[in-house]
Amino acid sequence: MSAAACPFCAIAAGAAPAAIVADEGDVLAFLDLRQAVPGHVLVVPRRHAADLYALTPDEASAAIRLAQRVAQALRAAFDPPGLNLWQSNGHAAGQEVFHFHLHVQPRRVGDGLARVYPGGEPPPAGADELDALARSLRAHLHG
């Protein structure tokens, strides 16, 4: 998706309406049009970045800082017993708008939203498997 066709870029530019929660220059937060739960907020960088991989470190830091502030506001306003912060990259992960965004959602027991392990919790991995995965990841860490 190009920046010209991106609905989040249009919101960031003021060309599309949105219920803005916070605007910190390089990042902004606004209410999701589809309120899966009351208070469902999206945090986005103003610059078009398709996904987490396309963010600069400064944009990533600014997004998580604003998401934390929004989470604190949600707690103060609605006192939810839980909160989800989630982000998806690519079709396989369920990304629908290809402009990086964090979902900040207050949660209540039985609210009908997806569980982390919808088919039941998988069994724990063995130490050897975990060590091999960690070695592989360490070999590819940058910065």
N, C-alpha and C. Protein backbone atom coordinates (compact mmCIF):
# COMPACT_ATOMS: atom_id res chain seq x y z
N MET A 1 0.85 -1.17 0.00
CA MET A 1 0.00 0.00 0.00
C MET A 1 0.89 1.24 0.00
N SER A 2 0.62 2.14 -0.89
CA SER A 2 1.39 3.38 -0.95
C SER A 2 0.85 4.35 0.09
N ALA A 3 1.68 5.32 0.43
CA ALA A 3 1.27 6.35 1.39
C ALA A 3 0.06 7.11 0.86
N ALA A 4 -0.02 7.29 -0.46
CA ALA A 4 -1.13 8.04 -1.06
C ALA A 4 -2.47 7.33 -0.85
N ALA A 5 -2.46 6.00 -0.78
CA ALA A 5 -3.69 5.24 -0.62
C ALA A 5 -3.92 4.79 0.82
N CYS A 6 -3.08 5.20 1.73
CA CYS A 6 -3.11 4.71 3.11
C CYS A 6 -4.09 5.51 3.97
N PRO A 7 -5.08 4.82 4.57
CA PRO A 7 -6.03 5.55 5.41
C PRO A 7 -5.39 6.17 6.65
N PHE A 8 -4.35 5.55 7.19
CA PHE A 8 -3.70 6.12 8.38
C PHE A 8 -2.87 7.34 8.02
N CYS A 9 -2.30 7.37 6.82
CA CYS A 9 -1.59 8.57 6.35
C CYS A 9 -2.58 9.71 6.18
N ALA A 10 -3.78 9.39 5.67
CA ALA A 10 -4.80 10.43 5.50
C ALA A 10 -5.21 11.00 6.86
N ILE A 11 -5.35 10.15 7.86
CA ILE A 11 -5.67 10.63 9.21
C ILE A 11 -4.52 11.49 9.73
N ALA A 12 -3.29 11.01 9.57
CA ALA A 12 -2.12 11.74 10.06
C ALA A 12 -1.98 13.10 9.39
N ALA A 13 -2.41 13.21 8.14
CA ALA A 13 -2.32 14.47 7.39
C ALA A 13 -3.52 15.38 7.65
N GLY A 14 -4.50 14.87 8.39
CA GLY A 14 -5.69 15.67 8.64
C GLY A 14 -6.69 15.64 7.50
N ALA A 15 -6.48 14.75 6.53
CA ALA A 15 -7.36 14.67 5.37
C ALA A 15 -8.51 13.70 5.56
N ALA A 16 -8.48 12.92 6.63
CA ALA A 16 -9.56 12.00 6.95
C ALA A 16 -9.93 12.19 8.42
N PRO A 17 -11.21 12.07 8.75
CA PRO A 17 -11.60 12.29 10.14
C PRO A 17 -11.16 11.15 11.04
N ALA A 18 -10.91 11.49 12.29
CA ALA A 18 -10.58 10.50 13.30
C ALA A 18 -10.80 11.12 14.67
N ALA A 19 -11.08 10.29 15.64
CA ALA A 19 -11.20 10.73 17.03
C ALA A 19 -9.80 10.64 17.64
N ILE A 20 -9.07 11.74 17.57
CA ILE A 20 -7.67 11.77 18.02
C ILE A 20 -7.63 11.74 19.55
N VAL A 21 -6.82 10.86 20.07
CA VAL A 21 -6.60 10.76 21.51
C VAL A 21 -5.36 11.56 21.90
N ALA A 22 -4.30 11.46 21.09
CA ALA A 22 -3.06 12.19 21.37
C ALA A 22 -2.30 12.38 20.07
N ASP A 23 -1.64 13.54 19.96
CA ASP A 23 -0.79 13.84 18.80
C ASP A 23 0.52 14.38 19.34
N GLU A 24 1.57 13.60 19.14
CA GLU A 24 2.89 13.99 19.65
C GLU A 24 3.86 14.30 18.53
N GLY A 25 3.35 14.78 17.42
CA GLY A 25 4.21 15.16 16.30
C GLY A 25 4.54 14.00 15.40
N ASP A 26 5.47 13.16 15.81
CA ASP A 26 5.89 12.03 14.98
C ASP A 26 4.99 10.81 15.13
N VAL A 27 4.20 10.77 16.19
CA VAL A 27 3.27 9.65 16.42
C VAL A 27 1.93 10.21 16.89
N LEU A 28 0.86 9.48 16.59
CA LEU A 28 -0.44 9.89 17.08
C LEU A 28 -1.26 8.67 17.46
N ALA A 29 -2.25 8.91 18.29
CA ALA A 29 -3.16 7.86 18.75
C ALA A 29 -4.58 8.31 18.45
N PHE A 30 -5.39 7.38 17.94
CA PHE A 30 -6.78 7.68 17.65
C PHE A 30 -7.62 6.43 17.87
N LEU A 31 -8.90 6.63 18.08
CA LEU A 31 -9.80 5.51 18.30
C LEU A 31 -10.01 4.73 17.00
N ASP A 32 -9.95 3.41 17.11
CA ASP A 32 -10.22 2.53 15.98
C ASP A 32 -11.68 2.68 15.61
N LEU A 33 -11.98 2.75 14.31
CA LEU A 33 -13.37 2.84 13.87
C LEU A 33 -14.17 1.62 14.30
N ARG A 34 -13.50 0.48 14.35
CA ARG A 34 -14.15 -0.76 14.78
C ARG A 34 -13.81 -0.98 16.25
N GLN A 35 -14.66 -0.50 17.12
CA GLN A 35 -14.43 -0.62 18.56
C GLN A 35 -14.75 -2.04 19.02
N ALA A 36 -13.77 -2.94 18.86
CA ALA A 36 -13.95 -4.32 19.30
C ALA A 36 -14.29 -4.35 20.78
N VAL A 37 -13.71 -3.45 21.52
CA VAL A 37 -14.05 -3.19 22.92
C VAL A 37 -14.00 -1.68 23.09
N PRO A 38 -14.82 -1.11 23.96
CA PRO A 38 -14.80 0.34 24.14
C PRO A 38 -13.42 0.83 24.60
N GLY A 39 -12.89 1.80 23.87
CA GLY A 39 -11.57 2.34 24.18
C GLY A 39 -10.45 1.77 23.33
N HIS A 40 -10.78 1.01 22.28
CA HIS A 40 -9.77 0.42 21.38
C HIS A 40 -9.07 1.55 20.62
N VAL A 41 -7.78 1.74 20.91
CA VAL A 41 -6.99 2.84 20.36
C VAL A 41 -5.89 2.29 19.45
N LEU A 42 -5.60 3.03 18.39
CA LEU A 42 -4.47 2.72 17.50
C LEU A 42 -3.40 3.79 17.68
N VAL A 43 -2.15 3.35 17.74
CA VAL A 43 -1.00 4.26 17.82
C VAL A 43 -0.21 4.06 16.54
N VAL A 44 0.05 5.15 15.81
CA VAL A 44 0.73 5.07 14.51
C VAL A 44 1.82 6.13 14.40
N PRO A 45 2.86 5.84 13.63
CA PRO A 45 3.81 6.91 13.30
C PRO A 45 3.19 7.79 12.22
N ARG A 46 3.51 9.06 12.22
CA ARG A 46 2.98 9.96 11.19
C ARG A 46 3.55 9.58 9.82
N ARG A 47 4.84 9.23 9.77
CA ARG A 47 5.47 8.82 8.50
C ARG A 47 4.94 7.45 8.11
N HIS A 48 4.69 7.25 6.83
CA HIS A 48 4.23 5.95 6.36
C HIS A 48 5.36 4.93 6.50
N ALA A 49 5.11 3.91 7.30
CA ALA A 49 6.02 2.77 7.46
C ALA A 49 5.12 1.55 7.44
N ALA A 50 5.32 0.68 6.49
CA ALA A 50 4.39 -0.43 6.27
C ALA A 50 4.24 -1.35 7.48
N ASP A 51 5.33 -1.56 8.21
CA ASP A 51 5.28 -2.51 9.32
C ASP A 51 6.42 -2.25 10.29
N LEU A 52 6.54 -3.09 11.28
CA LEU A 52 7.58 -2.94 12.31
C LEU A 52 8.97 -2.88 11.71
N TYR A 53 9.20 -3.65 10.66
CA TYR A 53 10.53 -3.71 10.03
C TYR A 53 10.91 -2.37 9.38
N ALA A 54 9.92 -1.58 9.01
CA ALA A 54 10.17 -0.32 8.30
C ALA A 54 10.31 0.88 9.23
N LEU A 55 10.09 0.68 10.53
CA LEU A 55 10.22 1.79 11.48
C LEU A 55 11.68 2.12 11.75
N THR A 56 11.93 3.38 12.04
CA THR A 56 13.24 3.75 12.57
C THR A 56 13.21 3.44 14.07
N PRO A 57 14.37 3.28 14.69
CA PRO A 57 14.38 3.06 16.14
C PRO A 57 13.68 4.19 16.90
N ASP A 58 13.84 5.43 16.45
CA ASP A 58 13.17 6.55 17.13
C ASP A 58 11.65 6.45 17.01
N GLU A 59 11.15 6.04 15.84
CA GLU A 59 9.70 5.88 15.66
C GLU A 59 9.17 4.75 16.55
N ALA A 60 9.92 3.66 16.61
CA ALA A 60 9.50 2.54 17.46
C ALA A 60 9.44 2.98 18.92
N SER A 61 10.44 3.71 19.36
CA SER A 61 10.46 4.20 20.75
C SER A 61 9.30 5.14 21.01
N ALA A 62 9.05 6.06 20.09
CA ALA A 62 7.97 7.02 20.27
C ALA A 62 6.62 6.31 20.30
N ALA A 63 6.44 5.28 19.47
CA ALA A 63 5.17 4.55 19.43
C ALA A 63 4.92 3.82 20.74
N ILE A 64 5.93 3.16 21.28
CA ILE A 64 5.71 2.42 22.52
C ILE A 64 5.52 3.37 23.70
N ARG A 65 6.21 4.50 23.68
CA ARG A 65 6.00 5.49 24.75
C ARG A 65 4.57 6.02 24.73
N LEU A 66 4.06 6.33 23.54
CA LEU A 66 2.68 6.82 23.45
C LEU A 66 1.70 5.70 23.80
N ALA A 67 1.97 4.48 23.38
CA ALA A 67 1.08 3.36 23.73
C ALA A 67 1.01 3.20 25.25
N GLN A 68 2.13 3.38 25.93
CA GLN A 68 2.12 3.28 27.39
C GLN A 68 1.27 4.40 28.00
N ARG A 69 1.39 5.61 27.49
CA ARG A 69 0.58 6.73 27.99
C ARG A 69 -0.91 6.47 27.75
N VAL A 70 -1.23 5.93 26.56
CA VAL A 70 -2.63 5.61 26.25
C VAL A 70 -3.13 4.52 27.20
N ALA A 71 -2.30 3.50 27.45
CA ALA A 71 -2.69 2.42 28.37
C ALA A 71 -2.98 2.99 29.76
N GLN A 72 -2.15 3.91 30.22
CA GLN A 72 -2.39 4.52 31.53
C GLN A 72 -3.69 5.32 31.53
N ALA A 73 -3.99 6.01 30.43
CA ALA A 73 -5.24 6.76 30.34
C ALA A 73 -6.44 5.82 30.31
N LEU A 74 -6.32 4.70 29.59
CA LEU A 74 -7.40 3.72 29.56
C LEU A 74 -7.66 3.16 30.96
N ARG A 75 -6.58 2.89 31.69
CA ARG A 75 -6.74 2.36 33.04
C ARG A 75 -7.45 3.39 33.93
N ALA A 76 -7.04 4.65 33.82
CA ALA A 76 -7.65 5.70 34.64
C ALA A 76 -9.11 5.94 34.25
N ALA A 77 -9.42 5.88 32.96
CA ALA A 77 -10.77 6.18 32.48
C ALA A 77 -11.74 5.03 32.66
N PHE A 78 -11.29 3.78 32.42
CA PHE A 78 -12.21 2.65 32.37
C PHE A 78 -11.93 1.55 33.39
N ASP A 79 -10.78 1.60 34.06
CA ASP A 79 -10.40 0.61 35.05
C ASP A 79 -10.60 -0.83 34.56
N PRO A 80 -10.08 -1.16 33.37
CA PRO A 80 -10.25 -2.54 32.90
C PRO A 80 -9.36 -3.49 33.70
N PRO A 81 -9.80 -4.73 33.89
CA PRO A 81 -8.96 -5.69 34.61
C PRO A 81 -7.79 -6.21 33.79
N GLY A 82 -7.75 -5.89 32.49
CA GLY A 82 -6.65 -6.32 31.64
C GLY A 82 -6.47 -5.37 30.48
N LEU A 83 -5.38 -5.58 29.74
CA LEU A 83 -5.08 -4.74 28.59
C LEU A 83 -4.25 -5.55 27.61
N ASN A 84 -4.54 -5.41 26.33
CA ASN A 84 -3.70 -6.00 25.28
C ASN A 84 -3.02 -4.90 24.51
N LEU A 85 -1.77 -5.11 24.20
CA LEU A 85 -1.00 -4.29 23.27
C LEU A 85 -0.54 -5.26 22.20
N TRP A 86 -1.03 -5.09 20.97
CA TRP A 86 -0.62 -6.02 19.93
C TRP A 86 -0.42 -5.32 18.60
N GLN A 87 0.36 -6.00 17.77
CA GLN A 87 0.76 -5.45 16.49
C GLN A 87 0.97 -6.61 15.54
N SER A 88 0.57 -6.45 14.29
CA SER A 88 0.67 -7.52 13.30
C SER A 88 1.47 -7.06 12.10
N ASN A 89 2.28 -7.97 11.54
CA ASN A 89 3.07 -7.69 10.34
C ASN A 89 2.75 -8.73 9.28
N GLY A 90 2.22 -8.30 8.15
CA GLY A 90 1.96 -9.19 7.03
C GLY A 90 0.61 -9.87 7.10
N HIS A 91 0.18 -10.35 5.94
CA HIS A 91 -1.12 -11.02 5.82
C HIS A 91 -1.22 -12.22 6.76
N ALA A 92 -0.17 -13.01 6.85
CA ALA A 92 -0.22 -14.22 7.68
C ALA A 92 -0.48 -13.89 9.14
N ALA A 93 -0.10 -12.71 9.58
CA ALA A 93 -0.31 -12.29 10.97
C ALA A 93 -1.62 -11.53 11.15
N GLY A 94 -2.35 -11.31 10.06
CA GLY A 94 -3.63 -10.63 10.15
C GLY A 94 -3.57 -9.12 9.94
N GLN A 95 -2.43 -8.61 9.44
CA GLN A 95 -2.35 -7.17 9.19
C GLN A 95 -3.31 -6.81 8.06
N GLU A 96 -4.14 -5.79 8.31
CA GLU A 96 -5.11 -5.35 7.32
C GLU A 96 -4.76 -4.00 6.71
N VAL A 97 -4.23 -3.09 7.50
CA VAL A 97 -3.79 -1.79 7.01
C VAL A 97 -2.27 -1.80 7.07
N PHE A 98 -1.63 -1.61 5.93
CA PHE A 98 -0.17 -1.75 5.85
C PHE A 98 0.51 -0.41 6.14
N HIS A 99 0.26 0.06 7.35
CA HIS A 99 0.91 1.21 7.97
C HIS A 99 1.06 0.74 9.41
N PHE A 100 2.28 0.69 9.91
CA PHE A 100 2.52 0.20 11.27
C PHE A 100 1.52 0.81 12.24
N HIS A 101 0.96 -0.03 13.09
CA HIS A 101 0.07 0.45 14.15
C HIS A 101 0.05 -0.53 15.31
N LEU A 102 -0.01 0.05 16.49
CA LEU A 102 -0.18 -0.73 17.71
C LEU A 102 -1.64 -0.62 18.14
N HIS A 103 -2.24 -1.74 18.47
CA HIS A 103 -3.58 -1.75 19.04
C HIS A 103 -3.42 -1.72 20.56
N VAL A 104 -4.11 -0.82 21.20
CA VAL A 104 -4.13 -0.75 22.66
C VAL A 104 -5.59 -0.98 23.04
N GLN A 105 -5.85 -2.14 23.68
CA GLN A 105 -7.23 -2.53 23.95
C GLN A 105 -7.43 -2.86 25.42
N PRO A 106 -8.34 -2.13 26.08
CA PRO A 106 -8.70 -2.54 27.44
C PRO A 106 -9.47 -3.85 27.35
N ARG A 107 -9.22 -4.74 28.28
CA ARG A 107 -9.84 -6.07 28.22
C ARG A 107 -10.64 -6.37 29.48
N ARG A 108 -11.71 -7.11 29.28
CA ARG A 108 -12.56 -7.60 30.37
C ARG A 108 -12.77 -9.10 30.16
N VAL A 109 -12.92 -9.84 31.22
CA VAL A 109 -13.18 -11.27 31.13
C VAL A 109 -14.46 -11.47 30.33
N GLY A 110 -14.40 -12.37 29.36
CA GLY A 110 -15.58 -12.68 28.55
C GLY A 110 -15.94 -11.64 27.53
N ASP A 111 -14.99 -10.76 27.15
CA ASP A 111 -15.31 -9.70 26.18
C ASP A 111 -15.40 -10.20 24.74
N GLY A 112 -15.08 -11.46 24.51
CA GLY A 112 -15.24 -12.05 23.19
C GLY A 112 -14.05 -11.89 22.26
N LEU A 113 -13.01 -11.20 22.68
CA LEU A 113 -11.84 -11.05 21.83
C LEU A 113 -10.98 -12.30 21.87
N ALA A 114 -10.14 -12.46 20.88
CA ALA A 114 -9.31 -13.65 20.74
C ALA A 114 -8.39 -13.86 21.93
N ARG A 115 -8.12 -15.09 22.20
CA ARG A 115 -7.16 -15.50 23.22
C ARG A 115 -5.81 -15.72 22.54
N VAL A 116 -4.74 -15.67 23.30
CA VAL A 116 -3.40 -15.89 22.75
C VAL A 116 -3.28 -17.29 22.17
N TYR A 117 -3.80 -18.28 22.88
CA TYR A 117 -3.76 -19.68 22.43
C TYR A 117 -5.20 -20.17 22.27
N PRO A 118 -5.86 -19.83 21.14
CA PRO A 118 -7.28 -20.19 21.01
C PRO A 118 -7.55 -21.68 21.03
N GLY A 119 -6.58 -22.51 20.66
CA GLY A 119 -6.77 -23.96 20.66
C GLY A 119 -6.28 -24.61 21.93
N GLY A 120 -5.97 -23.83 22.93
CA GLY A 120 -5.41 -24.37 24.16
C GLY A 120 -3.91 -24.11 24.20
N GLU A 121 -3.39 -24.04 25.38
CA GLU A 121 -1.97 -23.73 25.55
C GLU A 121 -1.10 -24.88 25.06
N PRO A 122 -0.10 -24.59 24.19
CA PRO A 122 0.78 -25.66 23.71
C PRO A 122 1.70 -26.12 24.84
N PRO A 123 2.22 -27.34 24.72
CA PRO A 123 3.15 -27.84 25.75
C PRO A 123 4.45 -27.05 25.70
N PRO A 124 5.15 -26.95 26.83
CA PRO A 124 6.42 -26.22 26.85
C PRO A 124 7.46 -26.90 25.96
N ALA A 125 8.30 -26.08 25.34
CA ALA A 125 9.40 -26.60 24.52
C ALA A 125 10.51 -27.10 25.45
N GLY A 126 11.32 -28.01 24.94
CA GLY A 126 12.43 -28.53 25.71
C GLY A 126 13.60 -27.55 25.73
N ALA A 127 14.49 -27.71 26.69
CA ALA A 127 15.64 -26.82 26.85
C ALA A 127 16.52 -26.82 25.61
N ASP A 128 16.75 -27.98 24.99
CA ASP A 128 17.60 -28.04 23.80
C ASP A 128 16.99 -27.26 22.65
N GLU A 129 15.69 -27.40 22.47
CA GLU A 129 15.00 -26.67 21.40
C GLU A 129 15.09 -25.16 21.65
N LEU A 130 14.85 -24.75 22.89
CA LEU A 130 14.91 -23.33 23.22
C LEU A 130 16.31 -22.77 23.03
N ASP A 131 17.33 -23.53 23.45
CA ASP A 131 18.72 -23.08 23.28
C ASP A 131 19.06 -22.92 21.79
N ALA A 132 18.62 -23.86 20.95
CA ALA A 132 18.89 -23.78 19.51
C ALA A 132 18.20 -22.56 18.90
N LEU A 133 16.97 -22.30 19.30
CA LEU A 133 16.26 -21.13 18.79
C LEU A 133 16.96 -19.84 19.23
N ALA A 134 17.38 -19.78 20.48
CA ALA A 134 18.06 -18.59 20.99
C ALA A 134 19.38 -18.36 20.25
N ARG A 135 20.15 -19.43 19.99
CA ARG A 135 21.41 -19.31 19.24
C ARG A 135 21.15 -18.74 17.85
N SER A 136 20.13 -19.26 17.19
CA SER A 136 19.80 -18.79 15.85
C SER A 136 19.43 -17.30 15.87
N LEU A 137 18.65 -16.90 16.83
CA LEU A 137 18.27 -15.48 16.91
C LEU A 137 19.45 -14.58 17.24
N ARG A 138 20.28 -15.01 18.18
CA ARG A 138 21.46 -14.20 18.53
C ARG A 138 22.36 -13.97 17.32
N ALA A 139 22.47 -14.98 16.44
CA ALA A 139 23.31 -14.86 15.26
C ALA A 139 22.78 -13.83 14.28
N HIS A 140 21.52 -13.46 14.40
CA HIS A 140 20.91 -12.53 13.46
C HIS A 140 20.54 -11.18 14.07
N LEU A 141 20.88 -10.97 15.34
CA LEU A 141 20.60 -9.68 15.97
C LEU A 141 21.47 -8.60 15.37
N HIS A 142 20.88 -7.46 15.12
CA HIS A 142 21.63 -6.30 14.59
C HIS A 142 21.50 -5.16 15.57
N GLY A 143 22.55 -4.37 15.67
CA GLY A 143 22.50 -3.15 16.47
C GLY A 143 22.73 -3.43 17.89
